N, C-alpha and C. Protein backbone atom coordinates (compact mmCIF):
# COMPACT_ATOMS: atom_id res chain seq x y z
N MET A 1 29.46 -9.03 13.22
CA MET A 1 30.48 -10.03 13.46
C MET A 1 29.79 -11.37 13.58
N PHE A 2 30.03 -12.24 12.62
CA PHE A 2 29.26 -13.46 12.54
C PHE A 2 30.13 -14.72 12.65
N LEU A 3 31.34 -14.55 13.17
CA LEU A 3 32.11 -15.69 13.63
C LEU A 3 31.52 -16.05 14.98
N PRO A 4 31.99 -17.13 15.64
CA PRO A 4 31.41 -17.46 16.94
C PRO A 4 31.52 -16.26 17.90
N LEU A 5 30.43 -15.52 18.03
CA LEU A 5 30.49 -14.25 18.75
C LEU A 5 30.86 -14.40 20.21
N ARG A 6 30.49 -15.52 20.81
CA ARG A 6 30.80 -15.69 22.23
C ARG A 6 32.30 -15.77 22.47
N LEU A 7 33.06 -16.05 21.41
CA LEU A 7 34.51 -16.15 21.53
C LEU A 7 35.20 -14.82 21.25
N ILE A 8 34.44 -13.86 20.76
CA ILE A 8 35.02 -12.56 20.41
C ILE A 8 34.53 -11.52 21.41
N PRO A 9 35.42 -10.92 22.19
CA PRO A 9 34.99 -9.91 23.17
C PRO A 9 34.25 -8.76 22.49
N VAL A 10 33.24 -8.25 23.18
CA VAL A 10 32.45 -7.15 22.62
C VAL A 10 33.33 -5.94 22.27
N PRO A 11 34.32 -5.55 23.09
CA PRO A 11 35.18 -4.42 22.70
C PRO A 11 35.87 -4.64 21.35
N VAL A 12 36.24 -5.89 21.05
CA VAL A 12 36.87 -6.17 19.76
C VAL A 12 35.85 -6.01 18.64
N GLN A 13 34.63 -6.48 18.86
CA GLN A 13 33.56 -6.29 17.87
C GLN A 13 33.35 -4.81 17.60
N CYS A 14 33.41 -4.01 18.66
CA CYS A 14 33.22 -2.56 18.52
C CYS A 14 34.32 -1.94 17.68
N VAL A 15 35.56 -2.40 17.86
CA VAL A 15 36.68 -1.89 17.07
C VAL A 15 36.48 -2.19 15.59
N VAL A 16 36.04 -3.42 15.29
CA VAL A 16 35.81 -3.81 13.90
C VAL A 16 34.70 -2.95 13.28
N LEU A 17 33.58 -2.84 14.00
CA LEU A 17 32.47 -2.04 13.48
C LEU A 17 32.85 -0.58 13.31
N SER A 18 33.54 -0.02 14.30
CA SER A 18 33.94 1.38 14.25
C SER A 18 34.88 1.63 13.08
N THR A 19 35.79 0.72 12.85
CA THR A 19 36.75 0.87 11.75
C THR A 19 36.05 0.85 10.40
N VAL A 20 35.17 -0.14 10.21
CA VAL A 20 34.47 -0.27 8.94
C VAL A 20 33.59 0.95 8.67
N LEU A 21 32.78 1.32 9.66
CA LEU A 21 31.88 2.46 9.48
C LEU A 21 32.64 3.76 9.28
N GLY A 22 33.71 3.95 10.06
CA GLY A 22 34.49 5.18 9.95
C GLY A 22 35.10 5.34 8.57
N LEU A 23 35.71 4.27 8.05
CA LEU A 23 36.32 4.33 6.73
C LEU A 23 35.29 4.52 5.63
N PHE A 24 34.18 3.82 5.76
CA PHE A 24 33.14 3.89 4.73
C PHE A 24 32.56 5.30 4.63
N PHE A 25 32.17 5.86 5.78
CA PHE A 25 31.53 7.18 5.73
C PHE A 25 32.52 8.29 5.41
N ALA A 26 33.78 8.10 5.77
CA ALA A 26 34.80 9.10 5.43
C ALA A 26 35.05 9.11 3.92
N ARG A 27 34.89 7.98 3.29
CA ARG A 27 35.14 7.86 1.85
C ARG A 27 33.98 8.41 1.02
N ASP A 28 32.76 8.23 1.51
CA ASP A 28 31.58 8.66 0.73
C ASP A 28 31.06 9.98 1.29
N LYS A 29 31.51 11.06 0.70
CA LYS A 29 31.15 12.40 1.19
C LYS A 29 29.68 12.74 0.94
N SER A 30 29.03 12.03 0.02
CA SER A 30 27.62 12.33 -0.28
C SER A 30 26.71 12.01 0.90
N LEU A 31 27.21 11.22 1.86
CA LEU A 31 26.40 10.83 3.01
C LEU A 31 26.51 11.82 4.17
N ALA A 32 27.31 12.86 4.00
CA ALA A 32 27.53 13.84 5.07
C ALA A 32 26.23 14.45 5.60
N PRO A 33 25.28 14.87 4.73
CA PRO A 33 24.04 15.46 5.26
C PRO A 33 23.25 14.48 6.13
N ALA A 34 23.19 13.20 5.71
CA ALA A 34 22.46 12.21 6.49
C ALA A 34 23.13 11.96 7.83
N LEU A 35 24.46 11.98 7.84
CA LEU A 35 25.21 11.81 9.09
C LEU A 35 24.99 13.00 10.02
N ASP A 36 25.00 14.20 9.45
CA ASP A 36 24.79 15.41 10.27
C ASP A 36 23.42 15.37 10.94
N GLY A 37 22.43 14.80 10.26
CA GLY A 37 21.09 14.73 10.83
C GLY A 37 21.00 13.79 12.02
N LEU A 38 22.02 12.96 12.21
CA LEU A 38 22.03 12.02 13.33
C LEU A 38 22.98 12.44 14.45
N ASN A 39 23.54 13.63 14.34
CA ASN A 39 24.48 14.11 15.36
C ASN A 39 23.84 14.07 16.75
N GLY A 40 24.54 13.48 17.70
CA GLY A 40 24.06 13.42 19.07
C GLY A 40 23.14 12.24 19.35
N ARG A 41 22.76 11.51 18.32
CA ARG A 41 21.86 10.36 18.51
C ARG A 41 22.67 9.13 18.93
N VAL A 42 22.06 8.31 19.78
CA VAL A 42 22.71 7.09 20.26
C VAL A 42 21.76 5.91 20.11
N PHE A 43 22.27 4.81 19.56
CA PHE A 43 21.49 3.60 19.34
C PHE A 43 22.06 2.46 20.19
N ARG A 44 21.19 1.81 20.93
CA ARG A 44 21.62 0.64 21.73
C ARG A 44 21.25 -0.62 20.95
N ILE A 45 22.25 -1.41 20.61
CA ILE A 45 22.06 -2.61 19.83
C ILE A 45 22.25 -3.82 20.73
N HIS A 46 21.19 -4.63 20.84
CA HIS A 46 21.24 -5.83 21.67
C HIS A 46 21.15 -7.06 20.78
N VAL A 47 22.19 -7.89 20.82
CA VAL A 47 22.19 -9.15 20.08
C VAL A 47 21.65 -10.21 21.04
N ARG A 48 20.44 -10.62 20.81
CA ARG A 48 19.69 -11.39 21.81
C ARG A 48 20.33 -12.74 22.15
N ASP A 49 20.79 -13.48 21.14
CA ASP A 49 21.28 -14.83 21.41
C ASP A 49 22.67 -14.86 22.05
N THR A 50 23.44 -13.79 21.90
CA THR A 50 24.75 -13.72 22.55
C THR A 50 24.73 -12.79 23.76
N ASN A 51 23.62 -12.07 23.91
CA ASN A 51 23.45 -11.09 24.99
C ASN A 51 24.50 -9.97 24.93
N ALA A 52 25.03 -9.73 23.76
CA ALA A 52 25.99 -8.64 23.58
C ALA A 52 25.24 -7.32 23.41
N VAL A 53 25.79 -6.27 23.98
CA VAL A 53 25.21 -4.93 23.86
C VAL A 53 26.27 -3.99 23.30
N ILE A 54 25.92 -3.29 22.24
CA ILE A 54 26.82 -2.37 21.58
C ILE A 54 26.10 -1.04 21.39
N PHE A 55 26.82 0.05 21.58
CA PHE A 55 26.24 1.38 21.40
C PHE A 55 26.84 2.03 20.15
N LEU A 56 25.93 2.46 19.27
CA LEU A 56 26.33 3.16 18.05
C LEU A 56 25.84 4.59 18.14
N GLY A 57 26.76 5.53 17.98
CA GLY A 57 26.38 6.94 18.07
C GLY A 57 26.99 7.75 16.94
N PHE A 58 26.56 9.01 16.85
CA PHE A 58 27.05 9.90 15.80
C PHE A 58 27.43 11.23 16.43
N ARG A 59 28.64 11.68 16.09
CA ARG A 59 29.14 12.94 16.66
C ARG A 59 29.97 13.66 15.60
N GLN A 60 29.60 14.91 15.34
CA GLN A 60 30.30 15.74 14.36
C GLN A 60 30.41 15.04 13.00
N GLY A 61 29.31 14.43 12.59
CA GLY A 61 29.27 13.80 11.29
C GLY A 61 30.05 12.52 11.17
N ARG A 62 30.42 11.91 12.30
CA ARG A 62 31.17 10.66 12.28
C ARG A 62 30.53 9.65 13.23
N PRO A 63 30.55 8.37 12.86
CA PRO A 63 29.99 7.34 13.75
C PRO A 63 31.02 6.91 14.80
N TRP A 64 30.52 6.46 15.94
CA TRP A 64 31.38 5.84 16.94
C TRP A 64 30.68 4.59 17.48
N VAL A 65 31.45 3.63 17.90
CA VAL A 65 30.90 2.38 18.42
C VAL A 65 31.65 2.02 19.71
N HIS A 66 30.90 1.83 20.81
CA HIS A 66 31.51 1.51 22.09
C HIS A 66 30.70 0.42 22.79
N PRO A 67 31.35 -0.33 23.70
CA PRO A 67 30.61 -1.35 24.47
C PRO A 67 29.83 -0.76 25.64
N ASN A 68 30.11 0.51 25.99
CA ASN A 68 29.43 1.13 27.13
C ASN A 68 29.03 2.56 26.79
N HIS A 69 27.96 3.01 27.44
CA HIS A 69 27.49 4.39 27.25
C HIS A 69 26.70 4.80 28.47
N GLN A 70 27.06 5.93 29.05
CA GLN A 70 26.42 6.37 30.29
C GLN A 70 25.26 7.34 30.07
N GLY A 71 25.16 7.90 28.88
CA GLY A 71 24.12 8.90 28.62
C GLY A 71 22.80 8.29 28.18
N ASP A 72 21.94 9.15 27.63
CA ASP A 72 20.63 8.71 27.15
C ASP A 72 20.76 7.91 25.85
N VAL A 73 19.78 7.09 25.61
CA VAL A 73 19.70 6.31 24.37
C VAL A 73 18.45 6.72 23.62
N ASP A 74 18.61 6.99 22.32
CA ASP A 74 17.47 7.43 21.51
C ASP A 74 16.67 6.26 20.93
N VAL A 75 17.37 5.23 20.50
CA VAL A 75 16.71 4.10 19.84
C VAL A 75 17.32 2.80 20.35
N ARG A 76 16.47 1.80 20.53
CA ARG A 76 16.92 0.47 20.93
C ARG A 76 16.61 -0.52 19.82
N LEU A 77 17.63 -1.27 19.40
CA LEU A 77 17.48 -2.32 18.40
C LEU A 77 17.73 -3.65 19.08
N ASP A 78 16.83 -4.61 18.84
CA ASP A 78 16.93 -5.91 19.48
C ASP A 78 16.68 -6.99 18.43
N ALA A 79 17.66 -7.89 18.25
CA ALA A 79 17.50 -8.95 17.26
C ALA A 79 18.53 -10.04 17.54
N THR A 80 18.38 -11.15 16.85
CA THR A 80 19.35 -12.24 16.97
C THR A 80 20.51 -12.00 16.00
N THR A 81 21.55 -12.81 16.14
CA THR A 81 22.68 -12.74 15.22
C THR A 81 22.22 -12.98 13.79
N THR A 82 21.34 -13.95 13.60
CA THR A 82 20.84 -14.26 12.26
C THR A 82 20.06 -13.09 11.67
N ALA A 83 19.30 -12.40 12.50
CA ALA A 83 18.53 -11.25 12.01
C ALA A 83 19.46 -10.15 11.51
N PHE A 84 20.53 -9.89 12.25
CA PHE A 84 21.49 -8.87 11.80
C PHE A 84 22.22 -9.34 10.54
N ALA A 85 22.44 -10.67 10.42
CA ALA A 85 23.05 -11.20 9.20
C ALA A 85 22.12 -10.97 8.01
N ARG A 86 20.83 -11.16 8.22
CA ARG A 86 19.85 -10.93 7.15
C ARG A 86 19.84 -9.47 6.74
N LEU A 87 19.97 -8.58 7.70
CA LEU A 87 19.96 -7.15 7.42
C LEU A 87 21.24 -6.70 6.72
N CYS A 88 22.39 -7.12 7.23
CA CYS A 88 23.67 -6.59 6.75
C CYS A 88 24.23 -7.34 5.53
N PHE A 89 24.06 -8.67 5.49
CA PHE A 89 24.69 -9.44 4.43
C PHE A 89 23.70 -9.94 3.38
N ALA A 90 22.47 -10.25 3.79
CA ALA A 90 21.46 -10.67 2.82
C ALA A 90 20.70 -9.47 2.25
N HIS A 91 20.96 -8.29 2.81
CA HIS A 91 20.37 -7.03 2.34
C HIS A 91 18.84 -7.08 2.30
N GLU A 92 18.26 -7.66 3.33
CA GLU A 92 16.80 -7.70 3.41
C GLU A 92 16.27 -6.36 3.88
N ASP A 93 15.05 -6.06 3.48
CA ASP A 93 14.42 -4.78 3.80
C ASP A 93 14.21 -4.67 5.32
N PRO A 94 14.76 -3.63 5.95
CA PRO A 94 14.58 -3.49 7.41
C PRO A 94 13.12 -3.37 7.81
N ASP A 95 12.29 -2.75 6.96
CA ASP A 95 10.87 -2.64 7.27
C ASP A 95 10.21 -4.02 7.36
N GLU A 96 10.61 -4.91 6.44
CA GLU A 96 10.06 -6.26 6.46
C GLU A 96 10.50 -7.02 7.72
N LEU A 97 11.75 -6.83 8.10
CA LEU A 97 12.26 -7.49 9.30
C LEU A 97 11.53 -6.99 10.55
N VAL A 98 11.22 -5.69 10.57
CA VAL A 98 10.47 -5.14 11.70
C VAL A 98 9.04 -5.67 11.69
N PHE A 99 8.43 -5.73 10.49
CA PHE A 99 7.06 -6.24 10.37
C PHE A 99 6.97 -7.69 10.83
N GLU A 100 7.99 -8.47 10.50
CA GLU A 100 8.02 -9.88 10.91
C GLU A 100 8.42 -10.04 12.37
N GLN A 101 8.75 -8.92 13.03
CA GLN A 101 9.22 -8.91 14.43
C GLN A 101 10.53 -9.67 14.58
N VAL A 102 11.27 -9.76 13.49
CA VAL A 102 12.62 -10.31 13.55
C VAL A 102 13.57 -9.27 14.13
N LEU A 103 13.33 -8.03 13.74
CA LEU A 103 14.09 -6.90 14.27
C LEU A 103 13.11 -6.02 15.05
N LYS A 104 13.42 -5.79 16.32
CA LYS A 104 12.54 -4.99 17.17
C LYS A 104 13.17 -3.62 17.40
N LEU A 105 12.37 -2.59 17.16
CA LEU A 105 12.82 -1.21 17.32
C LEU A 105 11.92 -0.48 18.31
N SER A 106 12.52 0.36 19.11
CA SER A 106 11.74 1.21 20.01
C SER A 106 12.54 2.48 20.28
N GLY A 107 11.81 3.55 20.55
CA GLY A 107 12.49 4.80 20.86
C GLY A 107 11.99 5.95 20.02
N ASP A 108 12.86 6.91 19.77
CA ASP A 108 12.52 8.13 19.08
C ASP A 108 12.25 7.86 17.60
N SER A 109 11.04 8.19 17.15
CA SER A 109 10.64 7.87 15.77
C SER A 109 11.44 8.68 14.74
N GLU A 110 11.77 9.93 15.06
CA GLU A 110 12.54 10.75 14.12
C GLU A 110 13.94 10.17 13.92
N ALA A 111 14.57 9.76 15.01
CA ALA A 111 15.91 9.17 14.91
C ALA A 111 15.87 7.88 14.10
N MET A 112 14.82 7.07 14.30
CA MET A 112 14.68 5.83 13.54
C MET A 112 14.53 6.12 12.06
N LEU A 113 13.74 7.15 11.72
CA LEU A 113 13.52 7.49 10.32
C LEU A 113 14.81 7.98 9.67
N ARG A 114 15.55 8.82 10.40
CA ARG A 114 16.82 9.33 9.86
C ARG A 114 17.83 8.19 9.66
N PHE A 115 17.84 7.25 10.59
CA PHE A 115 18.76 6.12 10.50
C PHE A 115 18.39 5.23 9.32
N LYS A 116 17.09 5.02 9.12
CA LYS A 116 16.62 4.23 7.99
C LYS A 116 17.03 4.88 6.66
N LYS A 117 16.91 6.20 6.58
CA LYS A 117 17.31 6.90 5.36
C LYS A 117 18.81 6.77 5.13
N LEU A 118 19.58 6.81 6.20
CA LEU A 118 21.03 6.65 6.08
C LEU A 118 21.37 5.26 5.56
N LEU A 119 20.70 4.23 6.08
CA LEU A 119 20.94 2.86 5.62
C LEU A 119 20.62 2.72 4.13
N ALA A 120 19.49 3.32 3.72
CA ALA A 120 19.07 3.22 2.32
C ALA A 120 20.06 3.95 1.41
N ALA A 121 20.55 5.10 1.85
CA ALA A 121 21.47 5.88 1.02
C ALA A 121 22.86 5.25 0.97
N ALA A 122 23.28 4.64 2.08
CA ALA A 122 24.64 4.09 2.15
C ALA A 122 24.79 2.83 1.31
N ASP A 123 23.81 1.92 1.39
CA ASP A 123 23.89 0.65 0.68
C ASP A 123 25.25 0.00 0.92
N LEU A 124 25.57 -0.19 2.18
CA LEU A 124 26.89 -0.65 2.59
C LEU A 124 27.06 -2.14 2.30
N ASP A 125 28.12 -2.49 1.57
CA ASP A 125 28.45 -3.88 1.29
C ASP A 125 29.45 -4.33 2.36
N TRP A 126 28.91 -5.06 3.36
CA TRP A 126 29.74 -5.40 4.51
C TRP A 126 30.91 -6.31 4.14
N GLU A 127 30.69 -7.27 3.25
CA GLU A 127 31.79 -8.16 2.88
C GLU A 127 32.92 -7.38 2.22
N ARG A 128 32.58 -6.52 1.31
CA ARG A 128 33.61 -5.74 0.62
C ARG A 128 34.35 -4.83 1.60
N GLU A 129 33.60 -4.19 2.51
CA GLU A 129 34.24 -3.28 3.45
C GLU A 129 35.13 -4.03 4.45
N LEU A 130 34.70 -5.20 4.88
CA LEU A 130 35.51 -6.00 5.80
C LEU A 130 36.78 -6.49 5.12
N ARG A 131 36.65 -6.88 3.86
CA ARG A 131 37.84 -7.31 3.11
C ARG A 131 38.82 -6.15 2.96
N SER A 132 38.28 -4.96 2.68
CA SER A 132 39.12 -3.79 2.48
C SER A 132 39.84 -3.38 3.77
N ALA A 133 39.13 -3.46 4.90
CA ALA A 133 39.71 -2.99 6.16
C ALA A 133 40.58 -4.03 6.85
N PHE A 134 40.22 -5.34 6.73
CA PHE A 134 40.91 -6.36 7.53
C PHE A 134 41.46 -7.51 6.71
N GLY A 135 41.36 -7.41 5.39
CA GLY A 135 41.92 -8.46 4.55
C GLY A 135 40.87 -9.43 4.03
N ASP A 136 41.22 -10.09 2.93
CA ASP A 136 40.27 -10.99 2.28
C ASP A 136 39.88 -12.17 3.16
N PHE A 137 40.85 -12.72 3.90
CA PHE A 137 40.56 -13.91 4.70
C PHE A 137 39.50 -13.61 5.74
N PHE A 138 39.68 -12.53 6.51
CA PHE A 138 38.73 -12.18 7.56
C PHE A 138 37.37 -11.83 6.97
N GLY A 139 37.37 -10.99 5.93
CA GLY A 139 36.11 -10.57 5.31
C GLY A 139 35.34 -11.74 4.76
N GLN A 140 36.05 -12.68 4.10
CA GLN A 140 35.37 -13.84 3.52
C GLN A 140 34.83 -14.76 4.60
N ARG A 141 35.58 -14.94 5.70
CA ARG A 141 35.13 -15.80 6.79
C ARG A 141 33.86 -15.26 7.42
N VAL A 142 33.82 -13.96 7.70
CA VAL A 142 32.65 -13.36 8.32
C VAL A 142 31.45 -13.44 7.39
N ALA A 143 31.66 -13.11 6.12
CA ALA A 143 30.55 -13.14 5.15
C ALA A 143 30.01 -14.56 4.99
N SER A 144 30.90 -15.54 4.91
CA SER A 144 30.46 -16.94 4.75
C SER A 144 29.65 -17.39 5.96
N ALA A 145 30.12 -17.03 7.16
CA ALA A 145 29.39 -17.41 8.37
C ALA A 145 28.01 -16.75 8.40
N ALA A 146 27.94 -15.49 7.97
CA ALA A 146 26.67 -14.78 7.96
C ALA A 146 25.68 -15.43 6.99
N HIS A 147 26.14 -15.73 5.78
CA HIS A 147 25.26 -16.36 4.79
C HIS A 147 24.84 -17.75 5.24
N ALA A 148 25.74 -18.46 5.91
CA ALA A 148 25.41 -19.80 6.42
C ALA A 148 24.30 -19.72 7.46
N LEU A 149 24.35 -18.70 8.32
CA LEU A 149 23.31 -18.51 9.32
C LEU A 149 21.95 -18.27 8.65
N VAL A 150 21.95 -17.41 7.64
CA VAL A 150 20.70 -17.10 6.93
C VAL A 150 20.13 -18.35 6.26
N GLU A 151 21.00 -19.12 5.58
CA GLU A 151 20.53 -20.33 4.90
C GLU A 151 20.02 -21.36 5.90
N ALA A 152 20.71 -21.48 7.04
CA ALA A 152 20.28 -22.43 8.06
C ALA A 152 18.90 -22.08 8.59
N GLU A 153 18.65 -20.78 8.77
CA GLU A 153 17.33 -20.35 9.26
C GLU A 153 16.26 -20.67 8.23
N LYS A 154 16.57 -20.47 6.94
CA LYS A 154 15.61 -20.78 5.89
C LYS A 154 15.26 -22.27 5.89
N LYS A 155 16.28 -23.11 6.07
CA LYS A 155 16.04 -24.55 6.08
C LYS A 155 15.19 -24.97 7.28
N VAL A 156 15.47 -24.36 8.43
CA VAL A 156 14.68 -24.66 9.62
C VAL A 156 13.23 -24.25 9.42
N ALA A 157 13.02 -23.04 8.84
CA ALA A 157 11.66 -22.55 8.61
C ALA A 157 10.93 -23.45 7.61
N ALA A 158 11.64 -23.86 6.54
CA ALA A 158 11.02 -24.73 5.54
C ALA A 158 10.67 -26.09 6.15
N GLY A 159 11.58 -26.60 6.98
CA GLY A 159 11.32 -27.88 7.63
C GLY A 159 10.14 -27.82 8.57
N ALA A 160 10.03 -26.71 9.31
CA ALA A 160 8.91 -26.54 10.23
C ALA A 160 7.59 -26.46 9.48
N GLN A 161 7.60 -25.74 8.34
CA GLN A 161 6.38 -25.62 7.54
C GLN A 161 5.96 -26.98 6.99
N GLN A 162 6.94 -27.77 6.51
CA GLN A 162 6.63 -29.08 5.97
C GLN A 162 6.12 -30.01 7.07
N LEU A 163 6.72 -29.90 8.26
CA LEU A 163 6.27 -30.71 9.39
C LEU A 163 4.83 -30.38 9.75
N LEU A 164 4.48 -29.08 9.72
CA LEU A 164 3.12 -28.66 10.01
C LEU A 164 2.15 -29.20 8.98
N GLU A 165 2.53 -29.11 7.70
CA GLU A 165 1.66 -29.62 6.63
C GLU A 165 1.44 -31.12 6.79
N ASP A 166 2.53 -31.85 7.08
CA ASP A 166 2.40 -33.30 7.25
C ASP A 166 1.51 -33.64 8.45
N ARG A 167 1.65 -32.85 9.51
CA ARG A 167 0.84 -33.08 10.71
C ARG A 167 -0.63 -32.83 10.43
N LEU A 168 -0.92 -31.77 9.68
CA LEU A 168 -2.31 -31.47 9.33
C LEU A 168 -2.92 -32.58 8.48
N LYS A 169 -2.12 -33.11 7.55
CA LYS A 169 -2.62 -34.19 6.70
C LYS A 169 -2.90 -35.44 7.52
N SER A 170 -1.98 -35.73 8.46
CA SER A 170 -2.18 -36.93 9.28
C SER A 170 -3.40 -36.82 10.17
N MET A 171 -3.77 -35.59 10.52
CA MET A 171 -4.96 -35.36 11.35
C MET A 171 -6.20 -35.13 10.51
N GLU A 172 -6.03 -35.27 9.17
CA GLU A 172 -7.12 -35.02 8.22
C GLU A 172 -7.70 -33.63 8.39
N MET A 173 -6.79 -32.70 8.62
CA MET A 173 -7.19 -31.29 8.71
C MET A 173 -6.74 -30.58 7.45
N PRO A 174 -7.41 -29.52 7.06
CA PRO A 174 -7.05 -28.82 5.82
C PRO A 174 -5.70 -28.14 5.94
N GLY A 175 -4.96 -28.11 4.85
CA GLY A 175 -3.68 -27.43 4.86
C GLY A 175 -3.53 -26.57 3.62
N GLY A 176 -2.66 -25.63 3.65
CA GLY A 176 -2.37 -24.80 2.48
C GLY A 176 -3.57 -24.04 1.98
N GLU A 177 -3.90 -24.24 0.68
CA GLU A 177 -5.02 -23.54 0.05
C GLU A 177 -6.35 -23.92 0.68
N ARG A 178 -6.49 -25.19 1.12
CA ARG A 178 -7.75 -25.60 1.74
C ARG A 178 -7.99 -24.84 3.04
N THR A 179 -6.90 -24.59 3.78
CA THR A 179 -7.03 -23.82 5.02
C THR A 179 -7.51 -22.40 4.72
N GLN A 180 -6.95 -21.79 3.67
CA GLN A 180 -7.37 -20.44 3.30
C GLN A 180 -8.84 -20.42 2.89
N THR A 181 -9.24 -21.43 2.11
CA THR A 181 -10.64 -21.49 1.68
C THR A 181 -11.57 -21.68 2.87
N TRP A 182 -11.15 -22.55 3.78
CA TRP A 182 -11.94 -22.80 4.99
C TRP A 182 -12.05 -21.53 5.83
N GLN A 183 -10.94 -20.82 5.97
CA GLN A 183 -10.95 -19.58 6.76
C GLN A 183 -11.84 -18.53 6.12
N ALA A 184 -11.78 -18.43 4.77
CA ALA A 184 -12.64 -17.47 4.08
C ALA A 184 -14.11 -17.80 4.29
N GLY A 185 -14.44 -19.11 4.28
CA GLY A 185 -15.82 -19.52 4.52
C GLY A 185 -16.28 -19.16 5.92
N VAL A 186 -15.40 -19.35 6.90
CA VAL A 186 -15.74 -19.00 8.28
C VAL A 186 -15.98 -17.49 8.41
N GLU A 187 -15.11 -16.70 7.77
CA GLU A 187 -15.26 -15.24 7.84
C GLU A 187 -16.56 -14.80 7.17
N ASP A 188 -16.91 -15.42 6.04
CA ASP A 188 -18.16 -15.09 5.36
C ASP A 188 -19.36 -15.45 6.23
N LEU A 189 -19.30 -16.60 6.88
CA LEU A 189 -20.39 -17.01 7.78
C LEU A 189 -20.52 -16.04 8.95
N HIS A 190 -19.39 -15.58 9.47
CA HIS A 190 -19.41 -14.63 10.56
C HIS A 190 -20.09 -13.32 10.14
N ARG A 191 -19.77 -12.87 8.91
CA ARG A 191 -20.40 -11.64 8.42
C ARG A 191 -21.92 -11.83 8.26
N ARG A 192 -22.32 -12.99 7.75
CA ARG A 192 -23.75 -13.27 7.57
C ARG A 192 -24.48 -13.28 8.93
N ILE A 193 -23.84 -13.90 9.92
CA ILE A 193 -24.45 -13.95 11.26
C ILE A 193 -24.56 -12.55 11.84
N SER A 194 -23.55 -11.73 11.63
CA SER A 194 -23.58 -10.35 12.14
C SER A 194 -24.72 -9.56 11.52
N ARG A 195 -24.88 -9.73 10.18
CA ARG A 195 -25.99 -9.03 9.52
C ARG A 195 -27.33 -9.53 10.03
N LEU A 196 -27.45 -10.83 10.24
CA LEU A 196 -28.70 -11.40 10.74
C LEU A 196 -29.01 -10.88 12.14
N LYS A 197 -27.99 -10.78 12.98
CA LYS A 197 -28.19 -10.23 14.33
C LYS A 197 -28.65 -8.79 14.26
N GLY A 198 -28.09 -8.05 13.30
CA GLY A 198 -28.51 -6.66 13.14
C GLY A 198 -29.97 -6.56 12.76
N ARG A 199 -30.42 -7.44 11.85
CA ARG A 199 -31.82 -7.43 11.44
C ARG A 199 -32.73 -7.80 12.61
N VAL A 200 -32.33 -8.80 13.37
CA VAL A 200 -33.14 -9.22 14.52
C VAL A 200 -33.26 -8.08 15.53
N THR A 201 -32.15 -7.38 15.76
CA THR A 201 -32.16 -6.26 16.71
C THR A 201 -33.10 -5.17 16.25
N ARG A 202 -33.06 -4.87 14.92
CA ARG A 202 -33.95 -3.83 14.40
C ARG A 202 -35.42 -4.25 14.52
N VAL A 203 -35.70 -5.52 14.21
CA VAL A 203 -37.08 -6.01 14.33
C VAL A 203 -37.54 -5.92 15.78
N GLU A 204 -36.71 -6.33 16.73
CA GLU A 204 -37.08 -6.27 18.14
C GLU A 204 -37.32 -4.83 18.57
N HIS A 205 -36.51 -3.91 18.05
CA HIS A 205 -36.65 -2.50 18.40
C HIS A 205 -37.99 -1.95 17.90
N ARG A 206 -38.34 -2.30 16.64
CA ARG A 206 -39.59 -1.83 16.07
C ARG A 206 -40.78 -2.43 16.82
N THR A 207 -40.66 -3.71 17.16
CA THR A 207 -41.74 -4.36 17.90
C THR A 207 -41.95 -3.70 19.25
N GLY A 208 -40.85 -3.33 19.90
CA GLY A 208 -40.94 -2.67 21.20
C GLY A 208 -41.59 -1.31 21.11
N GLU A 209 -41.36 -0.61 19.98
CA GLU A 209 -41.95 0.71 19.80
C GLU A 209 -43.46 0.61 19.64
N ARG A 210 -43.94 -0.50 19.02
CA ARG A 210 -45.36 -0.66 18.75
C ARG A 210 -46.10 -1.19 19.97
N ASP A 211 -45.38 -1.77 20.89
CA ASP A 211 -46.03 -2.35 22.09
C ASP A 211 -46.40 -1.25 23.07
N PRO A 212 -47.69 -1.00 23.26
CA PRO A 212 -48.10 0.11 24.15
C PRO A 212 -47.72 -0.12 25.60
N SER A 213 -47.52 -1.36 25.98
CA SER A 213 -47.14 -1.62 27.39
C SER A 213 -45.68 -1.24 27.60
């Protein structure tokens, strides 16, 4: 849900998510084995910038979404609204998002693997499903807001990178390719020093062996 989330109660968000997921998985019977593999699993989803918490679970081959859960949690997902927009609407690789620490995962590794396989098999088009379940106006508004968040983050990142480059130039410090070349030179020098230290150590050891005192 990528409209102003603070204005939308979490229980309402849960109804929307539950409706979309329920209809989608009921329609695509090929996903039944992947759903069965997640039976009894519960995922705690924390949207960091809105502090919303949503629980996604699977029971008897069907998903459920609730704002509260009293039992155990198998996996915890933590990310910002923009990160979830990148995952759901920009269709970015979840592994890349985890590697970049945009999406943080913790918990049972088997449940995470099964969930990842379900995401890959489902290839869920959120805009299309939202339009189908709640109408074109709502689906288009949510999708547009999600894409706007992703584009805004890209512009901020590009601006920050340009600001850093400009700052490095103003300080007469290397930037871009020069930084990489400089870093490679430092690493090569470090390796040379390490080898030299090793030779010195061996020479000192041999000298000590020959010293009768």
